[in-house]
Amino acid sequence: MRELTCPLVDLDEQHSWVGRHCAAVALHYVYTNLCHIPRNMRITAAMAAGITDRVWTLEPFAIAAISRRTSLG
């Protein structure tokens, strides 16, 4: 019986790892485009594209992620 359950447990662990990895990639994308000001520019990439008019911080995104996590679970 143990042989039948091990692959399912491994699949669940991989799925949770993939979800955390996707969240980390998304956070990096947000930081790069909305928060980070490169040395050779005076504005963020999103400001240069005309998407936003201010430099963002990660605090609103963290609050939204935490509130969504608590409301789901």
PDB file of N, CA and C in Angstrom:
ATOM      1  N   MET A   1       0.820  -1.193   0.000  1.00  0.00           N
ATOM      2  CA  MET A   1       0.000   0.000   0.000  1.00  0.00           C
ATOM      3  C   MET A   1       0.865   1.259   0.000  1.00  0.00           C
ATOM      4  N   ARG A   2       1.975   1.217   0.704  1.00  0.00           N
ATOM      5  CA  ARG A   2       2.869   2.370   0.768  1.00  0.00           C
ATOM      6  C   ARG A   2       3.372   2.743  -0.616  1.00  0.00           C
ATOM      7  N   GLU A   3       3.618   1.768  -1.475  1.00  0.00           N
ATOM      8  CA  GLU A   3       4.123   2.023  -2.824  1.00  0.00           C
ATOM      9  C   GLU A   3       3.123   2.809  -3.657  1.00  0.00           C
ATOM     10  N   LEU A   4       1.855   2.690  -3.363  1.00  0.00           N
ATOM     11  CA  LEU A   4       0.842   3.415  -4.114  1.00  0.00           C
ATOM     12  C   LEU A   4       0.699   4.859  -3.659  1.00  0.00           C
ATOM     13  N   THR A   5       1.006   5.151  -2.408  1.00  0.00           N
ATOM     14  CA  THR A   5       0.807   6.503  -1.898  1.00  0.00           C
ATOM     15  C   THR A   5       2.009   7.412  -2.125  1.00  0.00           C
ATOM     16  N   CYS A   6       3.195   6.873  -2.231  1.00  0.00           N
ATOM     17  CA  CYS A   6       4.395   7.712  -2.370  1.00  0.00           C
ATOM     18  C   CYS A   6       4.366   8.608  -3.602  1.00  0.00           C
ATOM     19  N   PRO A   7       4.018   8.097  -4.785  1.00  0.00           N
ATOM     20  CA  PRO A   7       3.992   8.994  -5.948  1.00  0.00           C
ATOM     21  C   PRO A   7       2.980  10.123  -5.792  1.00  0.00           C
ATOM     22  N   LEU A   8       1.858   9.875  -5.121  1.00  0.00           N
ATOM     23  CA  LEU A   8       0.863  10.922  -4.928  1.00  0.00           C
ATOM     24  C   LEU A   8       1.373  12.004  -3.992  1.00  0.00           C
ATOM     25  N   VAL A   9       2.076  11.616  -2.941  1.00  0.00           N
ATOM     26  CA  VAL A   9       2.652  12.590  -2.019  1.00  0.00           C
ATOM     27  C   VAL A   9       3.698  13.427  -2.740  1.00  0.00           C
ATOM     28  N   ASP A  10       4.549  12.798  -3.528  1.00  0.00           N
ATOM     29  CA  ASP A  10       5.569  13.534  -4.281  1.00  0.00           C
ATOM     30  C   ASP A  10       4.937  14.509  -5.259  1.00  0.00           C
ATOM     31  N   LEU A  11       3.829  14.108  -5.886  1.00  0.00           N
ATOM     32  CA  LEU A  11       3.156  14.990  -6.829  1.00  0.00           C
ATOM     33  C   LEU A  11       2.605  16.216  -6.113  1.00  0.00           C
ATOM     34  N   ASP A  12       2.031  16.021  -4.929  1.00  0.00           N
ATOM     35  CA  ASP A  12       1.528  17.160  -4.161  1.00  0.00           C
ATOM     36  C   ASP A  12       2.658  18.092  -3.746  1.00  0.00           C
ATOM     37  N   GLU A  13       3.803  17.545  -3.345  1.00  0.00           N
ATOM     38  CA  GLU A  13       4.940  18.382  -2.961  1.00  0.00           C
ATOM     39  C   GLU A  13       5.467  19.163  -4.156  1.00  0.00           C
ATOM     40  N   GLN A  14       5.505  18.551  -5.328  1.00  0.00           N
ATOM     41  CA  GLN A  14       5.958  19.254  -6.524  1.00  0.00           C
ATOM     42  C   GLN A  14       4.989  20.361  -6.882  1.00  0.00           C
ATOM     43  N   HIS A  15       3.695  20.101  -6.743  1.00  0.00           N
ATOM     44  CA  HIS A  15       2.695  21.111  -7.079  1.00  0.00           C
ATOM     45  C   HIS A  15       2.827  22.332  -6.176  1.00  0.00           C
ATOM     46  N   SER A  16       3.051  22.118  -4.888  1.00  0.00           N
ATOM     47  CA  SER A  16       3.196  23.250  -3.982  1.00  0.00           C
ATOM     48  C   SER A  16       4.496  24.008  -4.275  1.00  0.00           C
ATOM     49  N   TRP A  17       5.542  23.289  -4.671  1.00  0.00           N
ATOM     50  CA  TRP A  17       6.796  23.936  -5.026  1.00  0.00           C
ATOM     51  C   TRP A  17       6.615  24.795  -6.272  1.00  0.00           C
ATOM     52  N   VAL A  18       5.889  24.297  -7.246  1.00  0.00           N
ATOM     53  CA  VAL A  18       5.655  25.050  -8.482  1.00  0.00           C
ATOM     54  C   VAL A  18       4.839  26.297  -8.180  1.00  0.00           C
ATOM     55  N   GLY A  19       3.860  26.194  -7.308  1.00  0.00           N
ATOM     56  CA  GLY A  19       3.053  27.354  -6.942  1.00  0.00           C
ATOM     57  C   GLY A  19       3.882  28.431  -6.261  1.00  0.00           C
ATOM     58  N   ARG A  20       4.766  28.014  -5.353  1.00  0.00           N
ATOM     59  CA  ARG A  20       5.632  28.995  -4.685  1.00  0.00           C
ATOM     60  C   ARG A  20       6.612  29.620  -5.670  1.00  0.00           C
ATOM     61  N   HIS A  21       7.110  28.829  -6.607  1.00  0.00           N
ATOM     62  CA  HIS A  21       8.038  29.349  -7.605  1.00  0.00           C
ATOM     63  C   HIS A  21       7.333  30.377  -8.500  1.00  0.00           C
ATOM     64  N   CYS A  22       6.116  30.079  -8.921  1.00  0.00           N
ATOM     65  CA  CYS A  22       5.356  31.025  -9.748  1.00  0.00           C
ATOM     66  C   CYS A  22       5.105  32.332  -9.000  1.00  0.00           C
ATOM     67  N   ALA A  23       4.813  32.236  -7.715  1.00  0.00           N
ATOM     68  CA  ALA A  23       4.603  33.440  -6.912  1.00  0.00           C
ATOM     69  C   ALA A  23       5.880  34.258  -6.804  1.00  0.00           C
ATOM     70  N   ALA A  24       7.022  33.591  -6.650  1.00  0.00           N
ATOM     71  CA  ALA A  24       8.300  34.304  -6.563  1.00  0.00           C
ATOM     72  C   ALA A  24       8.637  34.987  -7.883  1.00  0.00           C
ATOM     73  N   VAL A  25       8.369  34.318  -8.993  1.00  0.00           N
ATOM     74  CA  VAL A  25       8.625  34.913 -10.307  1.00  0.00           C
ATOM     75  C   VAL A  25       7.715  36.117 -10.523  1.00  0.00           C
ATOM     76  N   ALA A  26       6.457  36.009 -10.130  1.00  0.00           N
ATOM     77  CA  ALA A  26       5.525  37.125 -10.277  1.00  0.00           C
ATOM     78  C   ALA A  26       5.953  38.317  -9.428  1.00  0.00           C
ATOM     79  N   LEU A  27       6.398  38.061  -8.207  1.00  0.00           N
ATOM     80  CA  LEU A  27       6.859  39.144  -7.345  1.00  0.00           C
ATOM     81  C   LEU A  27       8.091  39.826  -7.923  1.00  0.00           C
ATOM     82  N   HIS A  28       8.989  39.048  -8.490  1.00  0.00           N
ATOM     83  CA  HIS A  28      10.181  39.624  -9.125  1.00  0.00           C
ATOM     84  C   HIS A  28       9.786  40.473 -10.327  1.00  0.00           C
ATOM     85  N   TYR A  29       8.837  40.018 -11.110  1.00  0.00           N
ATOM     86  CA  TYR A  29       8.356  40.761 -12.278  1.00  0.00           C
ATOM     87  C   TYR A  29       7.760  42.101 -11.846  1.00  0.00           C
ATOM     88  N   VAL A  30       6.941  42.069 -10.795  1.00  0.00           N
ATOM     89  CA  VAL A  30       6.324  43.299 -10.282  1.00  0.00           C
ATOM     90  C   VAL A  30       7.400  44.259  -9.793  1.00  0.00           C
ATOM     91  N   TYR A  31       8.351  43.744  -9.017  1.00  0.00           N
ATOM     92  CA  TYR A  31       9.411  44.595  -8.494  1.00  0.00           C
ATOM     93  C   TYR A  31      10.218  45.226  -9.629  1.00  0.00           C
ATOM     94  N   THR A  32      10.581  44.409 -10.625  1.00  0.00           N
ATOM     95  CA  THR A  32      11.403  44.911 -11.729  1.00  0.00           C
ATOM     96  C   THR A  32      10.695  46.012 -12.507  1.00  0.00           C
ATOM     97  N   ASN A  33       9.411  45.870 -12.746  1.00  0.00           N
ATOM     98  CA  ASN A  33       8.704  46.817 -13.598  1.00  0.00           C
ATOM     99  C   ASN A  33       8.091  48.001 -12.858  1.00  0.00           C
ATOM    100  N   LEU A  34       7.712  47.826 -11.608  1.00  0.00           N
ATOM    101  CA  LEU A  34       7.015  48.898 -10.901  1.00  0.00           C
ATOM    102  C   LEU A  34       7.835  49.582  -9.813  1.00  0.00           C
ATOM    103  N   CYS A  35       8.837  48.892  -9.258  1.00  0.00           N
ATOM    104  CA  CYS A  35       9.546  49.423  -8.093  1.00  0.00           C
ATOM    105  C   CYS A  35      10.996  49.815  -8.360  1.00  0.00           C
ATOM    106  N   HIS A  36      11.671  49.071  -9.200  1.00  0.00           N
ATOM    107  CA  HIS A  36      13.112  49.246  -9.403  1.00  0.00           C
ATOM    108  C   HIS A  36      13.400  50.352 -10.410  1.00  0.00           C
ATOM    109  N   ILE A  37      14.271  51.274 -10.021  1.00  0.00           N
ATOM    110  CA  ILE A  37      14.725  52.331 -10.936  1.00  0.00           C
ATOM    111  C   ILE A  37      16.159  52.004 -11.343  1.00  0.00           C
ATOM    112  N   PRO A  38      16.387  51.655 -12.614  1.00  0.00           N
ATOM    113  CA  PRO A  38      17.755  51.343 -13.056  1.00  0.00           C
ATOM    114  C   PRO A  38      18.665  52.565 -12.958  1.00  0.00           C
ATOM    115  N   ARG A  39      19.964  52.315 -12.903  1.00  0.00           N
ATOM    116  CA  ARG A  39      20.929  53.412 -12.785  1.00  0.00           C
ATOM    117  C   ARG A  39      20.917  54.356 -13.982  1.00  0.00           C
ATOM    118  N   ASN A  40      20.688  53.809 -15.175  1.00  0.00           N
ATOM    119  CA  ASN A  40      20.760  54.647 -16.371  1.00  0.00           C
ATOM    120  C   ASN A  40      19.432  55.331 -16.692  1.00  0.00           C
ATOM    121  N   MET A  41      18.407  55.117 -15.882  1.00  0.00           N
ATOM    122  CA  MET A  41      17.109  55.769 -16.089  1.00  0.00           C
ATOM    123  C   MET A  41      16.717  56.489 -14.806  1.00  0.00           C
ATOM    124  N   ARG A  42      15.809  57.401 -14.911  1.00  0.00           N
ATOM    125  CA  ARG A  42      15.312  58.079 -13.711  1.00  0.00           C
ATOM    126  C   ARG A  42      13.889  57.659 -13.368  1.00  0.00           C
ATOM    127  N   ILE A  43      13.361  56.708 -14.119  1.00  0.00           N
ATOM    128  CA  ILE A  43      12.006  56.227 -13.895  1.00  0.00           C
ATOM    129  C   ILE A  43      11.983  54.707 -14.011  1.00  0.00           C
ATOM    130  N   THR A  44      10.903  54.099 -13.544  1.00  0.00           N
ATOM    131  CA  THR A  44      10.762  52.650 -13.661  1.00  0.00           C
ATOM    132  C   THR A  44      10.333  52.285 -15.078  1.00  0.00           C
ATOM    133  N   ALA A  45      10.382  51.002 -15.389  1.00  0.00           N
ATOM    134  CA  ALA A  45       9.980  50.542 -16.714  1.00  0.00           C
ATOM    135  C   ALA A  45       8.492  50.802 -16.962  1.00  0.00           C
ATOM    136  N   ALA A  46       7.673  50.635 -15.933  1.00  0.00           N
ATOM    137  CA  ALA A  46       6.239  50.884 -16.081  1.00  0.00           C
ATOM    138  C   ALA A  46       5.953  52.366 -16.306  1.00  0.00           C
ATOM    139  N   MET A  47       6.717  53.232 -15.678  1.00  0.00           N
ATOM    140  CA  MET A  47       6.549  54.670 -15.898  1.00  0.00           C
ATOM    141  C   MET A  47       6.964  55.039 -17.315  1.00  0.00           C
ATOM    142  N   ALA A  48       8.033  54.429 -17.807  1.00  0.00           N
ATOM    143  CA  ALA A  48       8.486  54.702 -19.169  1.00  0.00           C
ATOM    144  C   ALA A  48       7.455  54.242 -20.194  1.00  0.00           C
ATOM    145  N   ALA A  49       6.736  53.160 -19.888  1.00  0.00           N
ATOM    146  CA  ALA A  49       5.716  52.647 -20.800  1.00  0.00           C
ATOM    147  C   ALA A  49       4.389  53.386 -20.660  1.00  0.00           C
ATOM    148  N   GLY A  50       4.275  54.251 -19.671  1.00  0.00           N
ATOM    149  CA  GLY A  50       3.053  55.020 -19.474  1.00  0.00           C
ATOM    150  C   GLY A  50       1.966  54.257 -18.724  1.00  0.00           C
ATOM    151  N   ILE A  51       2.334  53.185 -18.038  1.00  0.00           N
ATOM    152  CA  ILE A  51       1.360  52.380 -17.312  1.00  0.00           C
ATOM    153  C   ILE A  51       1.018  53.003 -15.959  1.00  0.00           C
ATOM    154  N   THR A  52       1.988  53.602 -15.315  1.00  0.00           N
ATOM    155  CA  THR A  52       1.778  54.233 -14.012  1.00  0.00           C
ATOM    156  C   THR A  52       2.531  55.553 -13.971  1.00  0.00           C
ATOM    157  N   ASP A  53       2.182  56.366 -13.000  1.00  0.00           N
ATOM    158  CA  ASP A  53       2.842  57.667 -12.896  1.00  0.00           C
ATOM    159  C   ASP A  53       3.643  57.815 -11.603  1.00  0.00           C
ATOM    160  N   ARG A  54       3.826  56.705 -10.872  1.00  0.00           N
ATOM    161  CA  ARG A  54       4.585  56.778  -9.620  1.00  0.00           C
ATOM    162  C   ARG A  54       5.415  55.516  -9.425  1.00  0.00           C
ATOM    163  N   VAL A  55       6.394  55.622  -8.542  1.00  0.00           N
ATOM    164  CA  VAL A  55       7.203  54.464  -8.162  1.00  0.00           C
ATOM    165  C   VAL A  55       6.448  53.728  -7.054  1.00  0.00           C
ATOM    166  N   TRP A  56       6.220  52.448  -7.237  1.00  0.00           N
ATOM    167  CA  TRP A  56       5.489  51.643  -6.275  1.00  0.00           C
ATOM    168  C   TRP A  56       6.442  51.047  -5.250  1.00  0.00           C
ATOM    169  N   THR A  57       5.891  50.631  -4.124  1.00  0.00           N
ATOM    170  CA  THR A  57       6.618  49.826  -3.150  1.00  0.00           C
ATOM    171  C   THR A  57       5.989  48.437  -3.140  1.00  0.00           C
ATOM    172  N   LEU A  58       6.665  47.485  -2.517  1.00  0.00           N
ATOM    173  CA  LEU A  58       6.126  46.127  -2.463  1.00  0.00           C
ATOM    174  C   LEU A  58       5.066  45.959  -1.373  1.00  0.00           C
ATOM    175  N   GLU A  59       4.901  46.940  -0.515  1.00  0.00           N
ATOM    176  CA  GLU A  59       3.957  46.821   0.593  1.00  0.00           C
ATOM    177  C   GLU A  59       2.514  46.570   0.144  1.00  0.00           C
ATOM    178  N   PRO A  60       1.955  47.309  -0.833  1.00  0.00           N
ATOM    179  CA  PRO A  60       0.575  47.022  -1.242  1.00  0.00           C
ATOM    180  C   PRO A  60       0.402  45.614  -1.813  1.00  0.00           C
ATOM    181  N   PHE A  61       1.400  45.119  -2.507  1.00  0.00           N
ATOM    182  CA  PHE A  61       1.318  43.783  -3.080  1.00  0.00           C
ATOM    183  C   PHE A  61       1.395  42.720  -1.994  1.00  0.00           C
ATOM    184  N   ALA A  62       2.240  42.950  -0.998  1.00  0.00           N
ATOM    185  CA  ALA A  62       2.345  42.007   0.112  1.00  0.00           C
ATOM    186  C   ALA A  62       1.061  41.972   0.926  1.00  0.00           C
ATOM    187  N   ILE A  63       0.460  43.122   1.177  1.00  0.00           N
ATOM    188  CA  ILE A  63      -0.793  43.180   1.916  1.00  0.00           C
ATOM    189  C   ILE A  63      -1.901  42.463   1.147  1.00  0.00           C
ATOM    190  N   ALA A  64      -1.962  42.684  -0.165  1.00  0.00           N
ATOM    191  CA  ALA A  64      -2.977  42.019  -0.986  1.00  0.00           C
ATOM    192  C   ALA A  64      -2.772  40.506  -0.992  1.00  0.00           C
ATOM    193  N   ALA A  65      -1.533  40.062  -1.073  1.00  0.00           N
ATOM    194  CA  ALA A  65      -1.260  38.626  -1.085  1.00  0.00           C
ATOM    195  C   ALA A  65      -1.609  37.987   0.246  1.00  0.00           C
ATOM    196  N   ILE A  66      -1.301  38.666   1.349  1.00  0.00           N
ATOM    197  CA  ILE A  66      -1.609  38.112   2.671  1.00  0.00           C
ATOM    198  C   ILE A  66      -3.110  38.082   2.907  1.00  0.00           C
ATOM    199  N   SER A  67      -3.817  39.149   2.526  1.00  0.00           N
ATOM    200  CA  SER A  67      -5.260  39.168   2.739  1.00  0.00           C
ATOM    201  C   SER A  67      -5.963  38.121   1.867  1.00  0.00           C
ATOM    202  N   ARG A  68      -5.462  37.907   0.665  1.00  0.00           N
ATOM    203  CA  ARG A  68      -6.054  36.884  -0.197  1.00  0.00           C
ATOM    204  C   ARG A  68      -5.794  35.503   0.378  1.00  0.00           C
ATOM    205  N   ARG A  69      -4.612  35.294   0.910  1.00  0.00           N
ATOM    206  CA  ARG A  69      -4.267  33.993   1.487  1.00  0.00           C
ATOM    207  C   ARG A  69      -5.131  33.694   2.708  1.00  0.00           C
ATOM    208  N   THR A  70      -5.366  34.699   3.555  1.00  0.00           N
ATOM    209  CA  THR A  70      -6.187  34.472   4.742  1.00  0.00           C
ATOM    210  C   THR A  70      -7.658  34.309   4.376  1.00  0.00           C
ATOM    211  N   SER A  71      -8.124  34.970   3.330  1.00  0.00           N
ATOM    212  CA  SER A  71      -9.529  34.819   2.941  1.00  0.00           C
ATOM    213  C   SER A  71      -9.794  33.478   2.283  1.00  0.00           C
ATOM    214  N   LEU A  72      -8.769  32.874   1.672  1.00  0.00           N
ATOM    215  CA  LEU A  72      -8.938  31.572   1.048  1.00  0.00           C
ATOM    216  C   LEU A  72      -8.920  30.426   2.048  1.00  0.00           C
ATOM    217  N   GLY A  73      -8.194  30.626   3.129  1.00  0.00           N
ATOM    218  CA  GLY A  73      -7.957  29.476   3.926  1.00  0.00           C
ATOM    219  C   GLY A  73      -8.395  29.383   5.282  1.00  0.00           C
TER     220      GLY A  73
END
